[in-house]
Amino acid sequence: MRTVLLKNASLSLLLIMAAVAAAFSDANAQDGAGGPATHTVVIKQMRFQTSQLSVKPGDVVEWKNEDIFAHTATADNGSFDSGLINPGQSWKTVMKDTGTIGYHCRPHPNMTASIIVSSGQEGPAQSNSQRNGSARFEPPSTPQQFHPILVNFTAALLPLSFLSDVLGRMLQRKSLHNAGWWLMVYAVLITPLTVAAGWWWKHAAGPGLPSQIITVHQWLGTCLALMFVMLAAWRWNFQKRDEAPNLAYLALAFVTVLALVYQGSLGGMMVFGK
């Protein structure tokens, strides 16, 4: 009888020990599951993948650069800045404060994404507020923002001036030649500002841009600015004599337009990766 009781007691003790061990194991597993997680954002083809990431406070976010260009992960509110992440390298940071954090690449400001840091309940509301606030006007403050604005003016004015003069010769309309002259004047006035913003951009973000492309883009733009001045001086001679521009002028203006298109393609390659 005593032997049976001892066996039963031993069996009960083993069952209790097994239950306690299982309880500790479950607790450890839960602690591991609820601990900080690591989220990866891949930078590839001039994009952050994914563009919107939901994390919890204390989670780690890692950016891996699988692109051919160097990029940054720079928070719009200044809470983090990776510096240049070269191809093949990565950078990580811990998300602490809750809220929606938009971020961008400093050399390529068209590359944007966001991180929603929340406990899981306010995530959708944060996302909606971000979408509603994305259209708010913010004055440009960086060379990456100023330069494209000025380039759009420059890229349009010279081709329109050239087209007005061509149509003026074809249709024998003086008004078209006058329009061509004033478009050229505006181009000459704006182009120095465009060049200055381009050099400012190179100084601010040059290390993150492809060196060969940015060099050709930079010096071609500077030469085009000088070409605009020369064309404007030549064009003024026709304007003050009340004559239509001759074919030699139109030929040089056409070559300048082609050079402007090529320079624009280099800029698009750096900004959009195409």
C-alpha atoms as a PDB file:
ATOM      1  CA  MET A   1       0.000   0.000   0.000  1.00  0.00           C
ATOM      2  CA  ARG A   2       2.826   2.368   0.899  1.00  0.00           C
ATOM      3  CA  THR A   3       4.530   1.607  -2.418  1.00  0.00           C
ATOM      4  CA  VAL A   4       1.392   2.515  -4.337  1.00  0.00           C
ATOM      5  CA  LEU A   5       1.061   5.790  -2.453  1.00  0.00           C
ATOM      6  CA  LEU A   6       4.694   6.663  -3.152  1.00  0.00           C
ATOM      7  CA  LYS A   7       4.236   5.932  -6.850  1.00  0.00           C
ATOM      8  CA  ASN A   8       1.099   8.081  -6.962  1.00  0.00           C
ATOM      9  CA  ALA A   9       2.868  10.892  -5.127  1.00  0.00           C
ATOM     10  CA  SER A  10       5.832  10.671  -7.476  1.00  0.00           C
ATOM     11  CA  LEU A  11       3.507  10.728 -10.505  1.00  0.00           C
ATOM     12  CA  SER A  12       1.646  13.753  -9.130  1.00  0.00           C
ATOM     13  CA  LEU A  13       4.914  15.560  -8.485  1.00  0.00           C
ATOM     14  CA  LEU A  14       6.067  14.890 -12.039  1.00  0.00           C
ATOM     15  CA  LEU A  15       2.775  16.173 -13.430  1.00  0.00           C
ATOM     16  CA  ILE A  16       3.055  19.352 -11.334  1.00  0.00           C
ATOM     17  CA  MET A  17       6.647  19.944 -12.486  1.00  0.00           C
ATOM     18  CA  ALA A  18       5.639  19.402 -16.103  1.00  0.00           C
ATOM     19  CA  ALA A  19       2.765  21.893 -15.745  1.00  0.00           C
ATOM     20  CA  VAL A  20       5.054  24.504 -14.186  1.00  0.00           C
ATOM     21  CA  ALA A  21       7.641  24.024 -16.946  1.00  0.00           C
ATOM     22  CA  ALA A  22       4.959  24.385 -19.612  1.00  0.00           C
ATOM     23  CA  ALA A  23       3.679  27.570 -17.953  1.00  0.00           C
ATOM     24  CA  PHE A  24       7.191  29.081 -17.952  1.00  0.00           C
ATOM     25  CA  SER A  25       7.688  28.056 -21.564  1.00  0.00           C
ATOM     26  CA  ASP A  26       4.429  29.728 -22.621  1.00  0.00           C
ATOM     27  CA  ALA A  27       5.338  32.889 -20.728  1.00  0.00           C
ATOM     28  CA  ASN A  28       8.729  33.072 -22.408  1.00  0.00           C
ATOM     29  CA  ALA A  29       7.160  32.502 -25.798  1.00  0.00           C
ATOM     30  CA  GLN A  30       4.662  35.285 -25.183  1.00  0.00           C
ATOM     31  CA  ASP A  31       7.393  37.629 -24.038  1.00  0.00           C
ATOM     32  CA  GLY A  32       9.373  36.869 -27.198  1.00  0.00           C
ATOM     33  CA  ALA A  33       6.344  37.393 -29.420  1.00  0.00           C
ATOM     34  CA  GLY A  34       5.543  40.717 -27.776  1.00  0.00           C
ATOM     35  CA  GLY A  35       9.104  42.046 -27.922  1.00  0.00           C
ATOM     36  CA  PRO A  36      10.503  44.544 -30.403  1.00  0.00           C
ATOM     37  CA  ALA A  37      10.270  43.472 -34.040  1.00  0.00           C
ATOM     38  CA  THR A  38      12.532  44.374 -36.943  1.00  0.00           C
ATOM     39  CA  HIS A  39      10.964  45.702 -40.145  1.00  0.00           C
ATOM     40  CA  THR A  40      12.870  46.005 -43.403  1.00  0.00           C
ATOM     41  CA  VAL A  41      12.393  48.660 -46.069  1.00  0.00           C
ATOM     42  CA  VAL A  42      14.135  47.850 -49.344  1.00  0.00           C
ATOM     43  CA  ILE A  43      15.373  50.770 -51.443  1.00  0.00           C
ATOM     44  CA  LYS A  44      15.221  49.686 -55.061  1.00  0.00           C
ATOM     45  CA  GLN A  45      14.473  51.256 -58.446  1.00  0.00           C
ATOM     46  CA  MET A  46      14.323  54.725 -56.866  1.00  0.00           C
ATOM     47  CA  ARG A  47      11.548  53.709 -54.452  1.00  0.00           C
ATOM     48  CA  PHE A  48      11.064  52.798 -50.814  1.00  0.00           C
ATOM     49  CA  GLN A  49       9.444  49.373 -50.667  1.00  0.00           C
ATOM     50  CA  THR A  50       7.058  49.469 -48.884  1.00  0.00           C
ATOM     51  CA  SER A  51       5.861  53.057 -49.124  1.00  0.00           C
ATOM     52  CA  GLN A  52       3.819  52.853 -45.908  1.00  0.00           C
ATOM     53  CA  LEU A  53       4.921  50.783 -42.927  1.00  0.00           C
ATOM     54  CA  SER A  54       3.048  50.147 -39.657  1.00  0.00           C
ATOM     55  CA  VAL A  55       5.175  49.452 -36.565  1.00  0.00           C
ATOM     56  CA  LYS A  56       4.923  49.587 -32.784  1.00  0.00           C
ATOM     57  CA  PRO A  57       6.902  51.787 -30.405  1.00  0.00           C
ATOM     58  CA  GLY A  58      10.274  50.194 -29.776  1.00  0.00           C
ATOM     59  CA  ASP A  59      10.336  48.333 -33.101  1.00  0.00           C
ATOM     60  CA  VAL A  60      13.420  48.549 -35.302  1.00  0.00           C
ATOM     61  CA  VAL A  61      13.183  49.738 -38.911  1.00  0.00           C
ATOM     62  CA  GLU A  62      16.040  48.854 -41.245  1.00  0.00           C
ATOM     63  CA  TRP A  63      16.618  50.319 -44.702  1.00  0.00           C
ATOM     64  CA  LYS A  64      18.553  48.166 -47.183  1.00  0.00           C
ATOM     65  CA  ASN A  65      19.833  49.889 -50.301  1.00  0.00           C
ATOM     66  CA  GLU A  66      19.584  47.527 -53.277  1.00  0.00           C
ATOM     67  CA  ASP A  67      19.658  50.369 -55.800  1.00  0.00           C
ATOM     68  CA  ILE A  68      22.575  51.575 -57.937  1.00  0.00           C
ATOM     69  CA  PHE A  69      22.513  55.044 -56.330  1.00  0.00           C
ATOM     70  CA  ALA A  70      23.199  56.188 -52.783  1.00  0.00           C
ATOM     71  CA  HIS A  71      20.063  57.253 -50.890  1.00  0.00           C
ATOM     72  CA  THR A  72      19.030  58.578 -47.490  1.00  0.00           C
ATOM     73  CA  ALA A  73      16.081  57.923 -45.188  1.00  0.00           C
ATOM     74  CA  THR A  74      15.404  61.384 -43.801  1.00  0.00           C
ATOM     75  CA  ALA A  75      12.384  62.101 -41.595  1.00  0.00           C
ATOM     76  CA  ASP A  76      10.346  65.139 -42.584  1.00  0.00           C
ATOM     77  CA  ASN A  77      10.147  66.184 -38.926  1.00  0.00           C
ATOM     78  CA  GLY A  78      13.888  65.717 -38.361  1.00  0.00           C
ATOM     79  CA  SER A  79      13.494  62.787 -35.947  1.00  0.00           C
ATOM     80  CA  PHE A  80      15.967  60.622 -37.883  1.00  0.00           C
ATOM     81  CA  ASP A  81      18.396  60.901 -40.772  1.00  0.00           C
ATOM     82  CA  SER A  82      20.395  57.960 -42.042  1.00  0.00           C
ATOM     83  CA  GLY A  83      22.937  59.948 -43.989  1.00  0.00           C
ATOM     84  CA  LEU A  84      23.957  58.464 -47.312  1.00  0.00           C
ATOM     85  CA  ILE A  85      23.307  54.721 -47.560  1.00  0.00           C
ATOM     86  CA  ASN A  86      25.564  53.433 -50.314  1.00  0.00           C
ATOM     87  CA  PRO A  87      24.495  50.578 -52.606  1.00  0.00           C
ATOM     88  CA  GLY A  88      24.672  47.275 -50.755  1.00  0.00           C
ATOM     89  CA  GLN A  89      24.641  48.894 -47.316  1.00  0.00           C
ATOM     90  CA  SER A  90      21.883  49.290 -44.715  1.00  0.00           C
ATOM     91  CA  TRP A  91      20.919  51.492 -41.787  1.00  0.00           C
ATOM     92  CA  LYS A  92      18.513  50.983 -38.911  1.00  0.00           C
ATOM     93  CA  THR A  93      16.863  52.972 -36.144  1.00  0.00           C
ATOM     94  CA  VAL A  94      14.390  52.419 -33.307  1.00  0.00           C
ATOM     95  CA  MET A  95      10.928  53.975 -33.595  1.00  0.00           C
ATOM     96  CA  LYS A  96      10.045  55.564 -30.242  1.00  0.00           C
ATOM     97  CA  ASP A  97       7.285  58.165 -30.462  1.00  0.00           C
ATOM     98  CA  THR A  98       3.832  57.313 -31.791  1.00  0.00           C
ATOM     99  CA  GLY A  99       2.438  59.063 -34.821  1.00  0.00           C
ATOM    100  CA  THR A 100       2.878  59.127 -38.578  1.00  0.00           C
ATOM    101  CA  ILE A 101       6.374  60.009 -39.746  1.00  0.00           C
ATOM    102  CA  GLY A 102       6.863  60.911 -43.376  1.00  0.00           C
ATOM    103  CA  TYR A 103      10.367  60.563 -44.756  1.00  0.00           C
ATOM    104  CA  HIS A 104      12.227  61.111 -48.010  1.00  0.00           C
ATOM    105  CA  CYS A 105      15.562  60.750 -49.749  1.00  0.00           C
ATOM    106  CA  ARG A 106      17.562  63.985 -49.640  1.00  0.00           C
ATOM    107  CA  PRO A 107      19.288  63.597 -53.041  1.00  0.00           C
ATOM    108  CA  HIS A 108      16.024  62.384 -54.639  1.00  0.00           C
ATOM    109  CA  PRO A 109      13.134  64.278 -53.000  1.00  0.00           C
ATOM    110  CA  ASN A 110      10.559  62.544 -55.190  1.00  0.00           C
ATOM    111  CA  MET A 111      11.254  59.376 -53.173  1.00  0.00           C
ATOM    112  CA  THR A 112       8.856  59.536 -50.229  1.00  0.00           C
ATOM    113  CA  ALA A 113       7.286  57.082 -47.798  1.00  0.00           C
ATOM    114  CA  SER A 114       5.841  57.001 -44.289  1.00  0.00           C
ATOM    115  CA  ILE A 115       5.957  55.024 -41.061  1.00  0.00           C
ATOM    116  CA  ILE A 116       2.932  54.721 -38.761  1.00  0.00           C
ATOM    117  CA  VAL A 117       4.067  54.142 -35.181  1.00  0.00           C
ATOM    118  CA  SER A 118       1.124  53.048 -33.030  1.00  0.00           C
ATOM    119  CA  SER A 119      -0.132  50.370 -30.665  1.00  0.00           C
ATOM    120  CA  GLY A 120      -2.409  49.101 -33.441  1.00  0.00           C
ATOM    121  CA  GLN A 121      -5.624  50.978 -32.707  1.00  0.00           C
ATOM    122  CA  GLU A 122      -4.997  54.437 -34.121  1.00  0.00           C
ATOM    123  CA  GLY A 123      -3.193  53.246 -37.269  1.00  0.00           C
ATOM    124  CA  PRO A 124      -6.051  53.778 -39.779  1.00  0.00           C
ATOM    125  CA  ALA A 125      -6.855  57.230 -38.391  1.00  0.00           C
ATOM    126  CA  GLN A 126      -3.205  58.226 -38.666  1.00  0.00           C
ATOM    127  CA  SER A 127      -3.111  57.021 -42.238  1.00  0.00           C
ATOM    128  CA  ASN A 128      -6.204  59.009 -43.167  1.00  0.00           C
ATOM    129  CA  SER A 129      -4.863  62.179 -41.586  1.00  0.00           C
ATOM    130  CA  GLN A 130      -1.648  61.745 -43.481  1.00  0.00           C
ATOM    131  CA  ARG A 131      -3.461  61.396 -46.786  1.00  0.00           C
ATOM    132  CA  ASN A 132      -5.602  64.434 -46.046  1.00  0.00           C
ATOM    133  CA  GLY A 133      -2.572  66.510 -45.104  1.00  0.00           C
ATOM    134  CA  SER A 134      -0.393  65.513 -48.042  1.00  0.00           C
ATOM    135  CA  ALA A 135      -1.857  68.231 -50.291  1.00  0.00           C
ATOM    136  CA  ARG A 136      -1.060  71.086 -47.937  1.00  0.00           C
ATOM    137  CA  PHE A 137       1.099  73.826 -49.430  1.00  0.00           C
ATOM    138  CA  GLU A 138       4.600  74.070 -48.042  1.00  0.00           C
ATOM    139  CA  PRO A 139       7.014  76.686 -49.437  1.00  0.00           C
ATOM    140  CA  PRO A 140      10.115  75.176 -51.051  1.00  0.00           C
ATOM    141  CA  SER A 141      13.084  75.336 -48.722  1.00  0.00           C
ATOM    142  CA  THR A 142      15.722  73.039 -50.216  1.00  0.00           C
ATOM    143  CA  PRO A 143      17.626  73.108 -53.519  1.00  0.00           C
ATOM    144  CA  GLN A 144      15.994  69.806 -54.481  1.00  0.00           C
ATOM    145  CA  GLN A 145      12.658  71.635 -54.398  1.00  0.00           C
ATOM    146  CA  PHE A 146      13.724  74.941 -55.968  1.00  0.00           C
ATOM    147  CA  HIS A 147      15.638  73.478 -58.884  1.00  0.00           C
ATOM    148  CA  PRO A 148      12.812  71.448 -60.535  1.00  0.00           C
ATOM    149  CA  ILE A 149      10.445  74.436 -60.290  1.00  0.00           C
ATOM    150  CA  LEU A 150      12.882  76.696 -62.124  1.00  0.00           C
ATOM    151  CA  VAL A 151      13.819  73.984 -64.628  1.00  0.00           C
ATOM    152  CA  ASN A 152      10.187  73.682 -65.713  1.00  0.00           C
ATOM    153  CA  PHE A 153      10.186  77.366 -66.686  1.00  0.00           C
ATOM    154  CA  THR A 154      13.512  77.147 -68.501  1.00  0.00           C
ATOM    155  CA  ALA A 155      12.618  73.954 -70.337  1.00  0.00           C
ATOM    156  CA  ALA A 156       9.399  75.486 -71.678  1.00  0.00           C
ATOM    157  CA  LEU A 157      10.409  79.045 -72.582  1.00  0.00           C
ATOM    158  CA  LEU A 158      13.159  78.403 -75.138  1.00  0.00           C
ATOM    159  CA  PRO A 159      11.255  75.747 -77.156  1.00  0.00           C
ATOM    160  CA  LEU A 160       8.199  78.028 -77.209  1.00  0.00           C
ATOM    161  CA  SER A 161      10.311  80.959 -78.359  1.00  0.00           C
ATOM    162  CA  PHE A 162      11.788  78.821 -81.132  1.00  0.00           C
ATOM    163  CA  LEU A 163       8.331  77.556 -82.145  1.00  0.00           C
ATOM    164  CA  SER A 164       6.901  81.095 -82.216  1.00  0.00           C
ATOM    165  CA  ASP A 165       9.680  82.269 -84.535  1.00  0.00           C
ATOM    166  CA  VAL A 166       9.255  79.262 -86.844  1.00  0.00           C
ATOM    167  CA  LEU A 167       5.501  79.805 -87.070  1.00  0.00           C
ATOM    168  CA  GLY A 168       6.079  83.545 -87.528  1.00  0.00           C
ATOM    169  CA  ARG A 169       8.196  82.874 -90.605  1.00  0.00           C
ATOM    170  CA  MET A 170       5.725  80.330 -91.975  1.00  0.00           C
ATOM    171  CA  LEU A 171       2.612  82.449 -91.395  1.00  0.00           C
ATOM    172  CA  GLN A 172       4.230  85.878 -91.843  1.00  0.00           C
ATOM    173  CA  ARG A 173       2.903  87.062 -88.478  1.00  0.00           C
ATOM    174  CA  LYS A 174       4.816  89.773 -86.636  1.00  0.00           C
ATOM    175  CA  SER A 175       2.904  89.067 -83.442  1.00  0.00           C
ATOM    176  CA  LEU A 176       4.427  85.579 -83.281  1.00  0.00           C
ATOM    177  CA  HIS A 177       7.932  87.020 -83.584  1.00  0.00           C
ATOM    178  CA  ASN A 178       7.170  89.469 -80.785  1.00  0.00           C
ATOM    179  CA  ALA A 179       5.999  86.560 -78.628  1.00  0.00           C
ATOM    180  CA  GLY A 180       9.208  84.680 -79.463  1.00  0.00           C
ATOM    181  CA  TRP A 181      11.295  87.640 -78.383  1.00  0.00           C
ATOM    182  CA  TRP A 182       9.607  88.049 -75.010  1.00  0.00           C
ATOM    183  CA  LEU A 183       9.756  84.329 -74.305  1.00  0.00           C
ATOM    184  CA  MET A 184      13.504  84.506 -74.935  1.00  0.00           C
ATOM    185  CA  VAL A 185      13.795  87.473 -72.546  1.00  0.00           C
ATOM    186  CA  TYR A 186      12.022  85.526 -69.799  1.00  0.00           C
ATOM    187  CA  ALA A 187      14.249  82.512 -70.429  1.00  0.00           C
ATOM    188  CA  VAL A 188      17.404  84.608 -70.048  1.00  0.00           C
ATOM    189  CA  LEU A 189      16.113  86.161 -66.819  1.00  0.00           C
ATOM    190  CA  ILE A 190      15.164  82.841 -65.198  1.00  0.00           C
ATOM    191  CA  THR A 191      18.037  80.651 -66.399  1.00  0.00           C
ATOM    192  CA  PRO A 192      20.726  82.118 -64.065  1.00  0.00           C
ATOM    193  CA  LEU A 193      18.472  81.313 -61.104  1.00  0.00           C
ATOM    194  CA  THR A 194      18.031  77.773 -62.437  1.00  0.00           C
ATOM    195  CA  VAL A 195      21.790  77.314 -62.740  1.00  0.00           C
ATOM    196  CA  ALA A 196      22.362  78.702 -59.234  1.00  0.00           C
ATOM    197  CA  ALA A 197      19.787  76.278 -57.779  1.00  0.00           C
ATOM    198  CA  GLY A 198      21.463  73.412 -59.675  1.00  0.00           C
ATOM    199  CA  TRP A 199      24.875  74.226 -58.230  1.00  0.00           C
ATOM    200  CA  TRP A 200      23.269  74.549 -54.788  1.00  0.00           C
ATOM    201  CA  TRP A 201      21.720  71.110 -55.230  1.00  0.00           C
ATOM    202  CA  LYS A 202      25.090  69.660 -56.257  1.00  0.00           C
ATOM    203  CA  HIS A 203      26.726  71.161 -53.173  1.00  0.00           C
ATOM    204  CA  ALA A 204      23.993  69.897 -50.834  1.00  0.00           C
ATOM    205  CA  ALA A 205      23.412  66.413 -52.218  1.00  0.00           C
ATOM    206  CA  GLY A 206      26.245  65.791 -54.657  1.00  0.00           C
ATOM    207  CA  PRO A 207      27.777  62.766 -52.862  1.00  0.00           C
ATOM    208  CA  GLY A 208      24.471  60.928 -53.181  1.00  0.00           C
ATOM    209  CA  LEU A 209      24.159  61.558 -56.928  1.00  0.00           C
ATOM    210  CA  PRO A 210      25.898  59.591 -59.701  1.00  0.00           C
ATOM    211  CA  SER A 211      29.126  61.533 -60.175  1.00  0.00           C
ATOM    212  CA  GLN A 212      29.461  61.211 -63.951  1.00  0.00           C
ATOM    213  CA  ILE A 213      25.842  62.102 -64.708  1.00  0.00           C
ATOM    214  CA  ILE A 214      25.663  65.055 -62.319  1.00  0.00           C
ATOM    215  CA  THR A 215      28.914  66.482 -63.705  1.00  0.00           C
ATOM    216  CA  VAL A 216      27.688  66.377 -67.314  1.00  0.00           C
ATOM    217  CA  HIS A 217      24.279  67.714 -66.237  1.00  0.00           C
ATOM    218  CA  GLN A 218      25.851  70.516 -64.243  1.00  0.00           C
ATOM    219  CA  TRP A 219      28.274  71.815 -66.856  1.00  0.00           C
ATOM    220  CA  LEU A 220      25.855  71.360 -69.730  1.00  0.00           C
ATOM    221  CA  GLY A 221      23.328  73.487 -67.838  1.00  0.00           C
ATOM    222  CA  THR A 222      25.937  76.185 -67.231  1.00  0.00           C
ATOM    223  CA  CYS A 223      26.907  76.219 -70.922  1.00  0.00           C
ATOM    224  CA  LEU A 224      23.245  76.393 -71.917  1.00  0.00           C
ATOM    225  CA  ALA A 225      22.792  79.453 -69.717  1.00  0.00           C
ATOM    226  CA  LEU A 226      25.593  81.186 -71.642  1.00  0.00           C
ATOM    227  CA  MET A 227      24.034  80.016 -74.893  1.00  0.00           C
ATOM    228  CA  PHE A 228      20.718  81.566 -73.884  1.00  0.00           C
ATOM    229  CA  VAL A 229      22.431  84.931 -73.371  1.00  0.00           C
ATOM    230  CA  MET A 230      24.088  84.715 -76.777  1.00  0.00           C
ATOM    231  CA  LEU A 231      20.812  83.780 -78.459  1.00  0.00           C
ATOM    232  CA  ALA A 232      19.026  86.636 -76.713  1.00  0.00           C
ATOM    233  CA  ALA A 233      21.651  89.164 -77.906  1.00  0.00           C
ATOM    234  CA  TRP A 234      21.398  87.816 -81.451  1.00  0.00           C
ATOM    235  CA  ARG A 235      17.627  87.785 -81.263  1.00  0.00           C
ATOM    236  CA  TRP A 236      17.609  91.442 -80.126  1.00  0.00           C
ATOM    237  CA  ASN A 237      19.304  92.494 -83.371  1.00  0.00           C
ATOM    238  CA  PHE A 238      16.372  91.106 -85.348  1.00  0.00           C
ATOM    239  CA  GLN A 239      13.845  92.599 -82.958  1.00  0.00           C
ATOM    240  CA  LYS A 240      15.185  96.155 -83.077  1.00  0.00           C
ATOM    241  CA  ARG A 241      15.374  96.025 -86.905  1.00  0.00           C
ATOM    242  CA  ASP A 242      11.833  94.634 -86.964  1.00  0.00           C
ATOM    243  CA  GLU A 243      13.018  91.600 -88.937  1.00  0.00           C
ATOM    244  CA  ALA A 244      12.199  87.927 -88.722  1.00  0.00           C
ATOM    245  CA  PRO A 245      15.038  85.749 -87.336  1.00  0.00           C
ATOM    246  CA  ASN A 246      17.064  84.183 -90.138  1.00  0.00           C
ATOM    247  CA  LEU A 247      17.654  80.489 -90.698  1.00  0.00           C
ATOM    248  CA  ALA A 248      21.098  80.539 -89.052  1.00  0.00           C
ATOM    249  CA  TYR A 249      19.583  81.798 -85.805  1.00  0.00           C
ATOM    250  CA  LEU A 250      16.792  79.224 -85.969  1.00  0.00           C
ATOM    251  CA  ALA A 251      19.294  76.437 -86.598  1.00  0.00           C
ATOM    252  CA  LEU A 252      21.336  77.393 -83.518  1.00  0.00           C
ATOM    253  CA  ALA A 253      18.171  77.737 -81.436  1.00  0.00           C
ATOM    254  CA  PHE A 254      17.084  74.257 -82.553  1.00  0.00           C
ATOM    255  CA  VAL A 255      20.445  72.753 -81.550  1.00  0.00           C
ATOM    256  CA  THR A 256      20.133  74.477 -78.168  1.00  0.00           C
ATOM    257  CA  VAL A 257      16.662  73.004 -77.704  1.00  0.00           C
ATOM    258  CA  LEU A 258      18.067  69.523 -78.409  1.00  0.00           C
ATOM    259  CA  ALA A 259      20.830  70.091 -75.849  1.00  0.00           C
ATOM    260  CA  LEU A 260      18.176  71.215 -73.361  1.00  0.00           C
ATOM    261  CA  VAL A 261      16.199  68.011 -73.968  1.00  0.00           C
ATOM    262  CA  TYR A 262      19.318  65.916 -73.401  1.00  0.00           C
ATOM    263  CA  GLN A 263      20.104  67.753 -70.176  1.00  0.00           C
ATOM    264  CA  GLY A 264      16.535  67.162 -69.027  1.00  0.00           C
ATOM    265  CA  SER A 265      16.895  63.440 -69.683  1.00  0.00           C
ATOM    266  CA  LEU A 266      19.995  63.374 -67.462  1.00  0.00           C
ATOM    267  CA  GLY A 267      18.080  65.124 -64.710  1.00  0.00           C
ATOM    268  CA  GLY A 268      15.229  62.643 -65.041  1.00  0.00           C
ATOM    269  CA  MET A 269      17.699  59.776 -64.826  1.00  0.00           C
ATOM    270  CA  MET A 270      19.021  61.059 -61.509  1.00  0.00           C
ATOM    271  CA  VAL A 271      15.629  61.851 -60.002  1.00  0.00           C
ATOM    272  CA  PHE A 272      13.514  58.998 -61.352  1.00  0.00           C
ATOM    273  CA  GLY A 273      16.170  56.404 -62.173  1.00  0.00           C
ATOM    274  CA  LYS A 274      15.196  56.211 -65.838  1.00  0.00           C
END
